[in-house]
PDB file of N, CA and C in Angstrom:
ATOM      1  N   MET A   1       8.483  22.107   3.779  1.00  0.00           N
ATOM      2  CA  MET A   1       7.511  21.047   3.534  1.00  0.00           C
ATOM      3  C   MET A   1       6.482  21.077   4.666  1.00  0.00           C
ATOM      4  N   PRO A   2       5.207  21.137   4.328  1.00  0.00           N
ATOM      5  CA  PRO A   2       4.179  21.131   5.374  1.00  0.00           C
ATOM      6  C   PRO A   2       4.250  19.859   6.221  1.00  0.00           C
ATOM      7  N   ILE A   3       3.789  19.983   7.444  1.00  0.00           N
ATOM      8  CA  ILE A   3       3.866  18.875   8.402  1.00  0.00           C
ATOM      9  C   ILE A   3       3.125  17.634   7.904  1.00  0.00           C
ATOM     10  N   ILE A   4       2.006  17.821   7.209  1.00  0.00           N
ATOM     11  CA  ILE A   4       1.235  16.675   6.690  1.00  0.00           C
ATOM     12  C   ILE A   4       2.085  15.884   5.705  1.00  0.00           C
ATOM     13  N   ASP A   5       2.788  16.590   4.823  1.00  0.00           N
ATOM     14  CA  ASP A   5       3.649  15.910   3.853  1.00  0.00           C
ATOM     15  C   ASP A   5       4.765  15.141   4.548  1.00  0.00           C
ATOM     16  N   GLU A   6       5.312  15.716   5.607  1.00  0.00           N
ATOM     17  CA  GLU A   6       6.367  15.040   6.363  1.00  0.00           C
ATOM     18  C   GLU A   6       5.839  13.756   6.997  1.00  0.00           C
ATOM     19  N   VAL A   7       4.642  13.820   7.555  1.00  0.00           N
ATOM     20  CA  VAL A   7       4.041  12.642   8.180  1.00  0.00           C
ATOM     21  C   VAL A   7       3.790  11.562   7.138  1.00  0.00           C
ATOM     22  N   ILE A   8       3.229  11.942   5.991  1.00  0.00           N
ATOM     23  CA  ILE A   8       2.949  10.977   4.926  1.00  0.00           C
ATOM     24  C   ILE A   8       4.237  10.356   4.416  1.00  0.00           C
ATOM     25  N   ASN A   9       5.281  11.168   4.243  1.00  0.00           N
ATOM     26  CA  ASN A   9       6.564  10.629   3.787  1.00  0.00           C
ATOM     27  C   ASN A   9       7.170   9.679   4.811  1.00  0.00           C
ATOM     28  N   THR A  10       6.978   9.971   6.088  1.00  0.00           N
ATOM     29  CA  THR A  10       7.467   9.076   7.132  1.00  0.00           C
ATOM     30  C   THR A  10       6.726   7.742   7.091  1.00  0.00           C
ATOM     31  N   ILE A  11       5.420   7.806   6.936  1.00  0.00           N
ATOM     32  CA  ILE A  11       4.620   6.575   6.831  1.00  0.00           C
ATOM     33  C   ILE A  11       5.042   5.774   5.614  1.00  0.00           C
ATOM     34  N   LYS A  12       5.167   6.453   4.481  1.00  0.00           N
ATOM     35  CA  LYS A  12       5.550   5.778   3.237  1.00  0.00           C
ATOM     36  C   LYS A  12       6.932   5.143   3.377  1.00  0.00           C
ATOM     37  N   LYS A  13       7.837   5.832   4.050  1.00  0.00           N
ATOM     38  CA  LYS A  13       9.187   5.309   4.272  1.00  0.00           C
ATOM     39  C   LYS A  13       9.135   4.010   5.090  1.00  0.00           C
ATOM     40  N   GLN A  14       8.330   4.003   6.143  1.00  0.00           N
ATOM     41  CA  GLN A  14       8.210   2.809   6.987  1.00  0.00           C
ATOM     42  C   GLN A  14       7.605   1.646   6.213  1.00  0.00           C
ATOM     43  N   ILE A  15       6.578   1.907   5.427  1.00  0.00           N
ATOM     44  CA  ILE A  15       5.921   0.852   4.666  1.00  0.00           C
ATOM     45  C   ILE A  15       6.844   0.324   3.579  1.00  0.00           C
ATOM     46  N   ALA A  16       7.539   1.217   2.882  1.00  0.00           N
ATOM     47  CA  ALA A  16       8.472   0.789   1.835  1.00  0.00           C
ATOM     48  C   ALA A  16       9.566  -0.092   2.422  1.00  0.00           C
ATOM     49  N   LYS A  17      10.064   0.272   3.579  1.00  0.00           N
ATOM     50  CA  LYS A  17      11.120  -0.525   4.220  1.00  0.00           C
ATOM     51  C   LYS A  17      10.585  -1.897   4.613  1.00  0.00           C
ATOM     52  N   MET A  18       9.374  -1.945   5.171  1.00  0.00           N
ATOM     53  CA  MET A  18       8.779  -3.226   5.560  1.00  0.00           C
ATOM     54  C   MET A  18       8.522  -4.101   4.331  1.00  0.00           C
ATOM     55  N   LEU A  19       8.031  -3.489   3.277  1.00  0.00           N
ATOM     56  CA  LEU A  19       7.629  -4.245   2.103  1.00  0.00           C
ATOM     57  C   LEU A  19       8.810  -4.654   1.240  1.00  0.00           C
ATOM     58  N   LEU A  20       9.735  -3.750   1.031  1.00  0.00           N
ATOM     59  CA  LEU A  20      10.825  -4.003   0.091  1.00  0.00           C
ATOM     60  C   LEU A  20      12.144  -4.407   0.740  1.00  0.00           C
ATOM     61  N   ASN A  21      12.212  -4.315   2.071  1.00  0.00           N
ATOM     62  CA  ASN A  21      13.472  -4.582   2.763  1.00  0.00           C
ATOM     63  C   ASN A  21      14.581  -3.673   2.260  1.00  0.00           C
ATOM     64  N   LYS A  22      14.231  -2.491   1.849  1.00  0.00           N
ATOM     65  CA  LYS A  22      15.205  -1.524   1.355  1.00  0.00           C
ATOM     66  C   LYS A  22      15.045  -0.233   2.130  1.00  0.00           C
ATOM     67  N   LYS A  23      16.055   0.577   2.033  1.00  0.00           N
ATOM     68  CA  LYS A  23      15.932   1.911   2.595  1.00  0.00           C
ATOM     69  C   LYS A  23      14.984   2.717   1.726  1.00  0.00           C
ATOM     70  N   TYR A  24      14.281   3.630   2.337  1.00  0.00           N
ATOM     71  CA  TYR A  24      13.320   4.449   1.604  1.00  0.00           C
ATOM     72  C   TYR A  24      13.998   5.226   0.493  1.00  0.00           C
ATOM     73  N   SER A  25      15.237   5.668   0.706  1.00  0.00           N
ATOM     74  CA  SER A  25      15.926   6.458  -0.314  1.00  0.00           C
ATOM     75  C   SER A  25      16.052   5.673  -1.616  1.00  0.00           C
ATOM     76  N   ASP A  26      16.248   4.347  -1.527  1.00  0.00           N
ATOM     77  CA  ASP A  26      16.306   3.527  -2.734  1.00  0.00           C
ATOM     78  C   ASP A  26      14.985   3.605  -3.483  1.00  0.00           C
ATOM     79  N   TYR A  27      13.890   3.552  -2.744  1.00  0.00           N
ATOM     80  CA  TYR A  27      12.555   3.600  -3.342  1.00  0.00           C
ATOM     81  C   TYR A  27      12.262   4.988  -3.900  1.00  0.00           C
ATOM     82  N   SER A  28      12.578   6.020  -3.138  1.00  0.00           N
ATOM     83  CA  SER A  28      12.232   7.374  -3.565  1.00  0.00           C
ATOM     84  C   SER A  28      13.054   7.828  -4.755  1.00  0.00           C
ATOM     85  N   ASP A  29      14.207   7.225  -4.970  1.00  0.00           N
ATOM     86  CA  ASP A  29      15.040   7.579  -6.119  1.00  0.00           C
ATOM     87  C   ASP A  29      14.552   6.930  -7.405  1.00  0.00           C
ATOM     88  N   MET A  30      13.630   6.009  -7.298  1.00  0.00           N
ATOM     89  CA  MET A  30      13.150   5.302  -8.476  1.00  0.00           C
ATOM     90  C   MET A  30      12.127   6.161  -9.223  1.00  0.00           C
ATOM     91  N   ASP A  31      12.154   6.046 -10.530  1.00  0.00           N
ATOM     92  CA  ASP A  31      11.167   6.725 -11.364  1.00  0.00           C
ATOM     93  C   ASP A  31      10.157   5.670 -11.799  1.00  0.00           C
ATOM     94  N   ILE A  32       9.081   5.548 -11.045  1.00  0.00           N
ATOM     95  CA  ILE A  32       8.096   4.494 -11.284  1.00  0.00           C
ATOM     96  C   ILE A  32       7.089   4.985 -12.317  1.00  0.00           C
ATOM     97  N   VAL A  33       6.924   4.189 -13.357  1.00  0.00           N
ATOM     98  CA  VAL A  33       5.969   4.505 -14.408  1.00  0.00           C
ATOM     99  C   VAL A  33       4.967   3.363 -14.472  1.00  0.00           C
ATOM    100  N   TYR A  34       3.707   3.707 -14.246  1.00  0.00           N
ATOM    101  CA  TYR A  34       2.644   2.713 -14.307  1.00  0.00           C
ATOM    102  C   TYR A  34       2.051   2.687 -15.701  1.00  0.00           C
ATOM    103  N   ASN A  35       1.698   1.483 -16.170  1.00  0.00           N
ATOM    104  CA  ASN A  35       0.960   1.409 -17.427  1.00  0.00           C
ATOM    105  C   ASN A  35      -0.504   1.747 -17.123  1.00  0.00           C
ATOM    106  N   SER A  36      -1.326   1.872 -18.147  1.00  0.00           N
ATOM    107  CA  SER A  36      -2.704   2.323 -17.935  1.00  0.00           C
ATOM    108  C   SER A  36      -3.497   1.353 -17.063  1.00  0.00           C
ATOM    109  N   ASP A  37      -3.269   0.054 -17.216  1.00  0.00           N
ATOM    110  CA  ASP A  37      -3.965  -0.934 -16.386  1.00  0.00           C
ATOM    111  C   ASP A  37      -3.578  -0.766 -14.916  1.00  0.00           C
ATOM    112  N   GLU A  38      -2.304  -0.554 -14.655  1.00  0.00           N
ATOM    113  CA  GLU A  38      -1.838  -0.360 -13.280  1.00  0.00           C
ATOM    114  C   GLU A  38      -2.396   0.936 -12.693  1.00  0.00           C
ATOM    115  N   GLU A  39      -2.476   1.972 -13.504  1.00  0.00           N
ATOM    116  CA  GLU A  39      -3.038   3.242 -13.026  1.00  0.00           C
ATOM    117  C   GLU A  39      -4.502   3.076 -12.645  1.00  0.00           C
ATOM    118  N   ILE A  40      -5.253   2.363 -13.478  1.00  0.00           N
ATOM    119  CA  ILE A  40      -6.666   2.121 -13.181  1.00  0.00           C
ATOM    120  C   ILE A  40      -6.799   1.290 -11.909  1.00  0.00           C
ATOM    121  N   PHE A  41      -5.940   0.297 -11.768  1.00  0.00           N
ATOM    122  CA  PHE A  41      -5.961  -0.548 -10.579  1.00  0.00           C
ATOM    123  C   PHE A  41      -5.682   0.286  -9.326  1.00  0.00           C
ATOM    124  N   LEU A  42      -4.673   1.149  -9.382  1.00  0.00           N
ATOM    125  CA  LEU A  42      -4.346   2.008  -8.242  1.00  0.00           C
ATOM    126  C   LEU A  42      -5.504   2.948  -7.915  1.00  0.00           C
ATOM    127  N   ILE A  43      -6.119   3.508  -8.939  1.00  0.00           N
ATOM    128  CA  ILE A  43      -7.275   4.383  -8.720  1.00  0.00           C
ATOM    129  C   ILE A  43      -8.416   3.616  -8.053  1.00  0.00           C
ATOM    130  N   THR A  44      -8.624   2.380  -8.487  1.00  0.00           N
ATOM    131  CA  THR A  44      -9.665   1.544  -7.882  1.00  0.00           C
ATOM    132  C   THR A  44      -9.387   1.311  -6.403  1.00  0.00           C
ATOM    133  N   LEU A  45      -8.134   0.975  -6.071  1.00  0.00           N
ATOM    134  CA  LEU A  45      -7.776   0.770  -4.662  1.00  0.00           C
ATOM    135  C   LEU A  45      -7.969   2.053  -3.858  1.00  0.00           C
ATOM    136  N   LYS A  46      -7.546   3.164  -4.417  1.00  0.00           N
ATOM    137  CA  LYS A  46      -7.695   4.444  -3.716  1.00  0.00           C
ATOM    138  C   LYS A  46      -9.166   4.770  -3.482  1.00  0.00           C
ATOM    139  N   ARG A  47     -10.007   4.505  -4.476  1.00  0.00           N
ATOM    140  CA  ARG A  47     -11.442   4.761  -4.322  1.00  0.00           C
ATOM    141  C   ARG A  47     -12.012   3.919  -3.188  1.00  0.00           C
ATOM    142  N   LEU A  48     -11.638   2.636  -3.152  1.00  0.00           N
ATOM    143  CA  LEU A  48     -12.137   1.752  -2.100  1.00  0.00           C
ATOM    144  C   LEU A  48     -11.667   2.204  -0.724  1.00  0.00           C
ATOM    145  N   VAL A  49     -10.418   2.626  -0.615  1.00  0.00           N
ATOM    146  CA  VAL A  49      -9.908   3.120   0.673  1.00  0.00           C
ATOM    147  C   VAL A  49     -10.660   4.394   1.058  1.00  0.00           C
ATOM    148  N   PHE A  50     -10.863   5.275   0.096  1.00  0.00           N
ATOM    149  CA  PHE A  50     -11.613   6.504   0.347  1.00  0.00           C
ATOM    150  C   PHE A  50     -13.019   6.190   0.847  1.00  0.00           C
ATOM    151  N   GLU A  51     -13.632   5.151   0.290  1.00  0.00           N
ATOM    152  CA  GLU A  51     -14.978   4.727   0.698  1.00  0.00           C
ATOM    153  C   GLU A  51     -14.938   3.882   1.970  1.00  0.00           C
ATOM    154  N   ASN A  52     -13.765   3.699   2.529  1.00  0.00           N
ATOM    155  CA  ASN A  52     -13.541   2.920   3.752  1.00  0.00           C
ATOM    156  C   ASN A  52     -13.835   1.434   3.553  1.00  0.00           C
ATOM    157  N   LYS A  53     -13.636   0.939   2.365  1.00  0.00           N
ATOM    158  CA  LYS A  53     -13.782  -0.482   2.046  1.00  0.00           C
ATOM    159  C   LYS A  53     -12.394  -1.105   1.958  1.00  0.00           C
ATOM    160  N   ILE A  54     -11.672  -1.015   3.073  1.00  0.00           N
ATOM    161  CA  ILE A  54     -10.270  -1.400   3.106  1.00  0.00           C
ATOM    162  C   ILE A  54     -10.097  -2.902   2.939  1.00  0.00           C
ATOM    163  N   ASN A  55     -10.916  -3.701   3.599  1.00  0.00           N
ATOM    164  CA  ASN A  55     -10.801  -5.153   3.460  1.00  0.00           C
ATOM    165  C   ASN A  55     -11.022  -5.585   2.018  1.00  0.00           C
ATOM    166  N   GLU A  56     -12.005  -4.993   1.365  1.00  0.00           N
ATOM    167  CA  GLU A  56     -12.271  -5.316  -0.037  1.00  0.00           C
ATOM    168  C   GLU A  56     -11.074  -4.930  -0.917  1.00  0.00           C
ATOM    169  N   ALA A  57     -10.509  -3.773  -0.666  1.00  0.00           N
ATOM    170  CA  ALA A  57      -9.354  -3.317  -1.443  1.00  0.00           C
ATOM    171  C   ALA A  57      -8.159  -4.251  -1.240  1.00  0.00           C
ATOM    172  N   GLU A  58      -7.936  -4.663   0.001  1.00  0.00           N
ATOM    173  CA  GLU A  58      -6.806  -5.559   0.273  1.00  0.00           C
ATOM    174  C   GLU A  58      -7.015  -6.908  -0.406  1.00  0.00           C
ATOM    175  N   GLU A  59      -8.240  -7.411  -0.397  1.00  0.00           N
ATOM    176  CA  GLU A  59      -8.527  -8.676  -1.089  1.00  0.00           C
ATOM    177  C   GLU A  59      -8.232  -8.565  -2.581  1.00  0.00           C
ATOM    178  N   ILE A  60      -8.603  -7.449  -3.177  1.00  0.00           N
ATOM    179  CA  ILE A  60      -8.344  -7.227  -4.599  1.00  0.00           C
ATOM    180  C   ILE A  60      -6.835  -7.145  -4.855  1.00  0.00           C
ATOM    181  N   LEU A  61      -6.112  -6.485  -3.958  1.00  0.00           N
ATOM    182  CA  LEU A  61      -4.658  -6.395  -4.081  1.00  0.00           C
ATOM    183  C   LEU A  61      -4.025  -7.780  -4.026  1.00  0.00           C
ATOM    184  N   PHE A  62      -4.451  -8.595  -3.061  1.00  0.00           N
ATOM    185  CA  PHE A  62      -3.903  -9.955  -2.933  1.00  0.00           C
ATOM    186  C   PHE A  62      -4.259 -10.815  -4.139  1.00  0.00           C
ATOM    187  N   ASP A  63      -5.480 -10.676  -4.633  1.00  0.00           N
ATOM    188  CA  ASP A  63      -5.893 -11.426  -5.815  1.00  0.00           C
ATOM    189  C   ASP A  63      -5.006 -11.070  -7.008  1.00  0.00           C
ATOM    190  N   ARG A  64      -4.736  -9.806  -7.156  1.00  0.00           N
ATOM    191  CA  ARG A  64      -3.865  -9.361  -8.254  1.00  0.00           C
ATOM    192  C   ARG A  64      -2.454  -9.912  -8.073  1.00  0.00           C
ATOM    193  N   ALA A  65      -1.965  -9.919  -6.847  1.00  0.00           N
ATOM    194  CA  ALA A  65      -0.620 -10.433  -6.571  1.00  0.00           C
ATOM    195  C   ALA A  65      -0.531 -11.922  -6.897  1.00  0.00           C
ATOM    196  N   GLU A  66      -1.601 -12.651  -6.629  1.00  0.00           N
ATOM    197  CA  GLU A  66      -1.601 -14.089  -6.898  1.00  0.00           C
ATOM    198  C   GLU A  66      -1.770 -14.407  -8.382  1.00  0.00           C
ATOM    199  N   ASN A  67      -2.563 -13.611  -9.086  1.00  0.00           N
ATOM    200  CA  ASN A  67      -2.941 -13.952 -10.453  1.00  0.00           C
ATOM    201  C   ASN A  67      -2.286 -13.123 -11.549  1.00  0.00           C
ATOM    202  N   ASN A  68      -1.804 -11.946 -11.216  1.00  0.00           N
ATOM    203  CA  ASN A  68      -1.214 -11.087 -12.240  1.00  0.00           C
ATOM    204  C   ASN A  68      -0.119 -10.213 -11.618  1.00  0.00           C
ATOM    205  N   PRO A  69       0.890 -10.828 -11.010  1.00  0.00           N
ATOM    206  CA  PRO A  69       1.913 -10.024 -10.340  1.00  0.00           C
ATOM    207  C   PRO A  69       2.817  -9.310 -11.341  1.00  0.00           C
ATOM    208  N   THR A  70       3.107  -8.073 -11.046  1.00  0.00           N
ATOM    209  CA  THR A  70       4.069  -7.296 -11.815  1.00  0.00           C
ATOM    210  C   THR A  70       4.992  -6.605 -10.828  1.00  0.00           C
ATOM    211  N   GLU A  71       6.119  -6.153 -11.302  1.00  0.00           N
ATOM    212  CA  GLU A  71       7.053  -5.467 -10.409  1.00  0.00           C
ATOM    213  C   GLU A  71       6.414  -4.218  -9.800  1.00  0.00           C
ATOM    214  N   ASN A  72       5.636  -3.511 -10.589  1.00  0.00           N
ATOM    215  CA  ASN A  72       5.019  -2.281 -10.087  1.00  0.00           C
ATOM    216  C   ASN A  72       3.962  -2.529  -9.024  1.00  0.00           C
ATOM    217  N   LEU A  73       3.488  -3.745  -8.912  1.00  0.00           N
ATOM    218  CA  LEU A  73       2.462  -4.037  -7.912  1.00  0.00           C
ATOM    219  C   LEU A  73       2.980  -3.786  -6.500  1.00  0.00           C
ATOM    220  N   GLN A  74       4.257  -3.996  -6.270  1.00  0.00           N
ATOM    221  CA  GLN A  74       4.808  -3.727  -4.940  1.00  0.00           C
ATOM    222  C   GLN A  74       4.755  -2.227  -4.618  1.00  0.00           C
ATOM    223  N   TYR A  75       4.896  -1.387  -5.624  1.00  0.00           N
ATOM    224  CA  TYR A  75       4.817   0.052  -5.398  1.00  0.00           C
ATOM    225  C   TYR A  75       3.360   0.493  -5.212  1.00  0.00           C
ATOM    226  N   ILE A  76       2.469  -0.181  -5.898  1.00  0.00           N
ATOM    227  CA  ILE A  76       1.041   0.069  -5.691  1.00  0.00           C
ATOM    228  C   ILE A  76       0.666  -0.312  -4.261  1.00  0.00           C
ATOM    229  N   ALA A  77       1.232  -1.417  -3.773  1.00  0.00           N
ATOM    230  CA  ALA A  77       0.975  -1.837  -2.388  1.00  0.00           C
ATOM    231  C   ALA A  77       1.478  -0.792  -1.395  1.00  0.00           C
ATOM    232  N   ILE A  78       2.610  -0.189  -1.680  1.00  0.00           N
ATOM    233  CA  ILE A  78       3.126   0.874  -0.806  1.00  0.00           C
ATOM    234  C   ILE A  78       2.133   2.032  -0.754  1.00  0.00           C
ATOM    235  N   GLU A  79       1.617   2.428  -1.908  1.00  0.00           N
ATOM    236  CA  GLU A  79       0.634   3.509  -1.955  1.00  0.00           C
ATOM    237  C   GLU A  79      -0.634   3.121  -1.182  1.00  0.00           C
ATOM    238  N   PHE A  80      -1.086   1.886  -1.385  1.00  0.00           N
ATOM    239  CA  PHE A  80      -2.292   1.408  -0.710  1.00  0.00           C
ATOM    240  C   PHE A  80      -2.118   1.449   0.808  1.00  0.00           C
ATOM    241  N   TYR A  81      -1.063   0.823   1.308  1.00  0.00           N
ATOM    242  CA  TYR A  81      -0.892   0.755   2.757  1.00  0.00           C
ATOM    243  C   TYR A  81      -0.588   2.119   3.372  1.00  0.00           C
ATOM    244  N   THR A  82       0.029   3.013   2.613  1.00  0.00           N
ATOM    245  CA  THR A  82       0.229   4.380   3.099  1.00  0.00           C
ATOM    246  C   THR A  82      -1.119   5.057   3.289  1.00  0.00           C
ATOM    247  N   MET A  83      -2.009   4.905   2.314  1.00  0.00           N
ATOM    248  CA  MET A  83      -3.349   5.496   2.440  1.00  0.00           C
ATOM    249  C   MET A  83      -4.097   4.928   3.640  1.00  0.00           C
ATOM    250  N   VAL A  84      -3.960   3.632   3.856  1.00  0.00           N
ATOM    251  CA  VAL A  84      -4.636   3.007   4.996  1.00  0.00           C
ATOM    252  C   VAL A  84      -4.100   3.586   6.303  1.00  0.00           C
ATOM    253  N   MET A  85      -2.784   3.728   6.395  1.00  0.00           N
ATOM    254  CA  MET A  85      -2.189   4.248   7.627  1.00  0.00           C
ATOM    255  C   MET A  85      -2.518   5.720   7.867  1.00  0.00           C
ATOM    256  N   GLU A  86      -2.920   6.439   6.819  1.00  0.00           N
ATOM    257  CA  GLU A  86      -3.322   7.831   6.973  1.00  0.00           C
ATOM    258  C   GLU A  86      -4.702   7.955   7.619  1.00  0.00           C
ATOM    259  N   LYS A  87      -5.449   6.864   7.638  1.00  0.00           N
ATOM    260  CA  LYS A  87      -6.797   6.877   8.230  1.00  0.00           C
ATOM    261  C   LYS A  87      -6.694   7.012   9.748  1.00  0.00           C
ATOM    262  N   SER A  88      -7.707   7.618  10.321  1.00  0.00           N
ATOM    263  CA  SER A  88      -7.763   7.723  11.778  1.00  0.00           C
ATOM    264  C   SER A  88      -8.144   6.362  12.364  1.00  0.00           C
ATOM    265  N   ASP A  89      -7.903   6.200  13.641  1.00  0.00           N
ATOM    266  CA  ASP A  89      -8.288   4.957  14.315  1.00  0.00           C
ATOM    267  C   ASP A  89      -9.796   4.734  14.218  1.00  0.00           C
ATOM    268  N   GLU A  90     -10.563   5.810  14.295  1.00  0.00           N
ATOM    269  CA  GLU A  90     -12.017   5.698  14.201  1.00  0.00           C
ATOM    270  C   GLU A  90     -12.436   5.203  12.811  1.00  0.00           C
ATOM    271  N   GLU A  91     -11.806   5.755  11.773  1.00  0.00           N
ATOM    272  CA  GLU A  91     -12.123   5.323  10.411  1.00  0.00           C
ATOM    273  C   GLU A  91     -11.753   3.859  10.203  1.00  0.00           C
ATOM    274  N   LEU A  92     -10.619   3.465  10.739  1.00  0.00           N
ATOM    275  CA  LEU A  92     -10.203   2.067  10.611  1.00  0.00           C
ATOM    276  C   LEU A  92     -11.181   1.151  11.349  1.00  0.00           C
ATOM    277  N   LYS A  93     -11.607   1.570  12.522  1.00  0.00           N
ATOM    278  CA  LYS A  93     -12.568   0.770  13.281  1.00  0.00           C
ATOM    279  C   LYS A  93     -13.876   0.629  12.509  1.00  0.00           C
ATOM    280  N   GLU A  94     -14.339   1.716  11.904  1.00  0.00           N
ATOM    281  CA  GLU A  94     -15.559   1.668  11.088  1.00  0.00           C
ATOM    282  C   GLU A  94     -15.404   0.712   9.910  1.00  0.00           C
ATOM    283  N   ALA A  95     -14.171   0.607   9.398  1.00  0.00           N
ATOM    284  CA  ALA A  95     -13.891  -0.265   8.255  1.00  0.00           C
ATOM    285  C   ALA A  95     -13.588  -1.694   8.698  1.00  0.00           C
ATOM    286  N   ASP A  96     -13.685  -1.965   9.996  1.00  0.00           N
ATOM    287  CA  ASP A  96     -13.351  -3.276  10.549  1.00  0.00           C
ATOM    288  C   ASP A  96     -11.910  -3.652  10.197  1.00  0.00           C
ATOM    289  N   PHE A  97     -11.010  -2.711  10.447  1.00  0.00           N
ATOM    290  CA  PHE A  97      -9.596  -2.862  10.137  1.00  0.00           C
ATOM    291  C   PHE A  97      -8.824  -2.182  11.255  1.00  0.00           C
ATOM    292  N   ASP A  98      -7.566  -2.564  11.458  1.00  0.00           N
ATOM    293  CA  ASP A  98      -6.739  -1.862  12.434  1.00  0.00           C
ATOM    294  C   ASP A  98      -5.294  -1.816  11.961  1.00  0.00           C
ATOM    295  N   ARG A  99      -4.497  -1.071  12.662  1.00  0.00           N
ATOM    296  CA  ARG A  99      -3.111  -0.850  12.244  1.00  0.00           C
ATOM    297  C   ARG A  99      -2.272  -2.126  12.272  1.00  0.00           C
ATOM    298  N   LYS A 100      -2.580  -3.045  13.174  1.00  0.00           N
ATOM    299  CA  LYS A 100      -1.849  -4.317  13.209  1.00  0.00           C
ATOM    300  C   LYS A 100      -2.064  -5.098  11.921  1.00  0.00           C
ATOM    301  N   GLU A 101      -3.263  -4.962  11.344  1.00  0.00           N
ATOM    302  CA  GLU A 101      -3.565  -5.672  10.101  1.00  0.00           C
ATOM    303  C   GLU A 101      -2.722  -5.166   8.931  1.00  0.00           C
ATOM    304  N   VAL A 102      -2.248  -3.931   9.019  1.00  0.00           N
ATOM    305  CA  VAL A 102      -1.366  -3.413   7.969  1.00  0.00           C
ATOM    306  C   VAL A 102      -0.069  -4.218   7.949  1.00  0.00           C
ATOM    307  N   THR A 103       0.518  -4.422   9.119  1.00  0.00           N
ATOM    308  CA  THR A 103       1.756  -5.203   9.194  1.00  0.00           C
ATOM    309  C   THR A 103       1.521  -6.631   8.710  1.00  0.00           C
ATOM    310  N   ILE A 104       0.438  -7.228   9.142  1.00  0.00           N
ATOM    311  CA  ILE A 104       0.106  -8.587   8.698  1.00  0.00           C
ATOM    312  C   ILE A 104      -0.099  -8.612   7.188  1.00  0.00           C
ATOM    313  N   GLY A 105      -0.825  -7.633   6.670  1.00  0.00           N
ATOM    314  CA  GLY A 105      -1.076  -7.554   5.234  1.00  0.00           C
ATOM    315  C   GLY A 105       0.204  -7.403   4.436  1.00  0.00           C
ATOM    316  N   ILE A 106       1.110  -6.573   4.912  1.00  0.00           N
ATOM    317  CA  ILE A 106       2.383  -6.390   4.216  1.00  0.00           C
ATOM    318  C   ILE A 106       3.175  -7.691   4.193  1.00  0.00           C
ATOM    319  N   MET A 107       3.211  -8.384   5.316  1.00  0.00           N
ATOM    320  CA  MET A 107       3.942  -9.656   5.357  1.00  0.00           C
ATOM    321  C   MET A 107       3.282 -10.691   4.441  1.00  0.00           C
ATOM    322  N   ASP A 108       1.966 -10.738   4.429  1.00  0.00           N
ATOM    323  CA  ASP A 108       1.253 -11.658   3.528  1.00  0.00           C
ATOM    324  C   ASP A 108       1.518 -11.299   2.070  1.00  0.00           C
ATOM    325  N   PHE A 109       1.504 -10.014   1.759  1.00  0.00           N
ATOM    326  CA  PHE A 109       1.759  -9.568   0.386  1.00  0.00           C
ATOM    327  C   PHE A 109       3.174  -9.953  -0.038  1.00  0.00           C
ATOM    328  N   ARG A 110       4.130  -9.750   0.845  1.00  0.00           N
ATOM    329  CA  ARG A 110       5.528 -10.117   0.548  1.00  0.00           C
ATOM    330  C   ARG A 110       5.621 -11.603   0.222  1.00  0.00           C
ATOM    331  N   GLU A 111       4.930 -12.409   1.005  1.00  0.00           N
ATOM    332  CA  GLU A 111       4.967 -13.857   0.786  1.00  0.00           C
ATOM    333  C   GLU A 111       4.353 -14.222  -0.575  1.00  0.00           C
ATOM    334  N   ILE A 112       3.215 -13.630  -0.875  1.00  0.00           N
ATOM    335  CA  ILE A 112       2.549 -13.905  -2.157  1.00  0.00           C
ATOM    336  C   ILE A 112       3.453 -13.511  -3.318  1.00  0.00           C
ATOM    337  N   MET A 113       4.097 -12.361  -3.195  1.00  0.00           N
ATOM    338  CA  MET A 113       4.936 -11.831  -4.274  1.00  0.00           C
ATOM    339  C   MET A 113       6.336 -12.451  -4.292  1.00  0.00           C
ATOM    340  N   GLY A 114       6.683 -13.198  -3.243  1.00  0.00           N
ATOM    341  CA  GLY A 114       8.019 -13.796  -3.187  1.00  0.00           C
ATOM    342  C   GLY A 114       9.118 -12.785  -2.921  1.00  0.00           C
ATOM    343  N   ILE A 115       8.790 -11.731  -2.193  1.00  0.00           N
ATOM    344  CA  ILE A 115       9.781 -10.701  -1.853  1.00  0.00           C
ATOM    345  C   ILE A 115      10.559 -11.193  -0.639  1.00  0.00           C
ATOM    346  N   GLU A 116      11.864 -11.232  -0.773  1.00  0.00           N
ATOM    347  CA  GLU A 116      12.706 -11.701   0.341  1.00  0.00           C
ATOM    348  C   GLU A 116      13.358 -10.577   1.076  1.00  0.00           C
TER     349      GLU A 116
END
């Protein structure tokens, strides 16, 4: 496995554990199937992160969690926060975001979704 994949899997493991309070192996063993609306939503978040509009993407994620929560939304959040953590410090600074905000965002998302 290339080193980049190992780093991404490590980040994803940490975020999944923070978000779901589960071991990463529990998450990675799941066969997650998104419906078309969820796929479009994930693509939208990824586009915003790619464009470095991280705050806007997080607001949209929280809005969805408050108004249309689904079980798969927690997995979409894992993908979102993994992408954010893959950004360099310079990119995060340009986006007016930082790594501490990821932890805060995950805790806020957990609260909105009622994840214990």
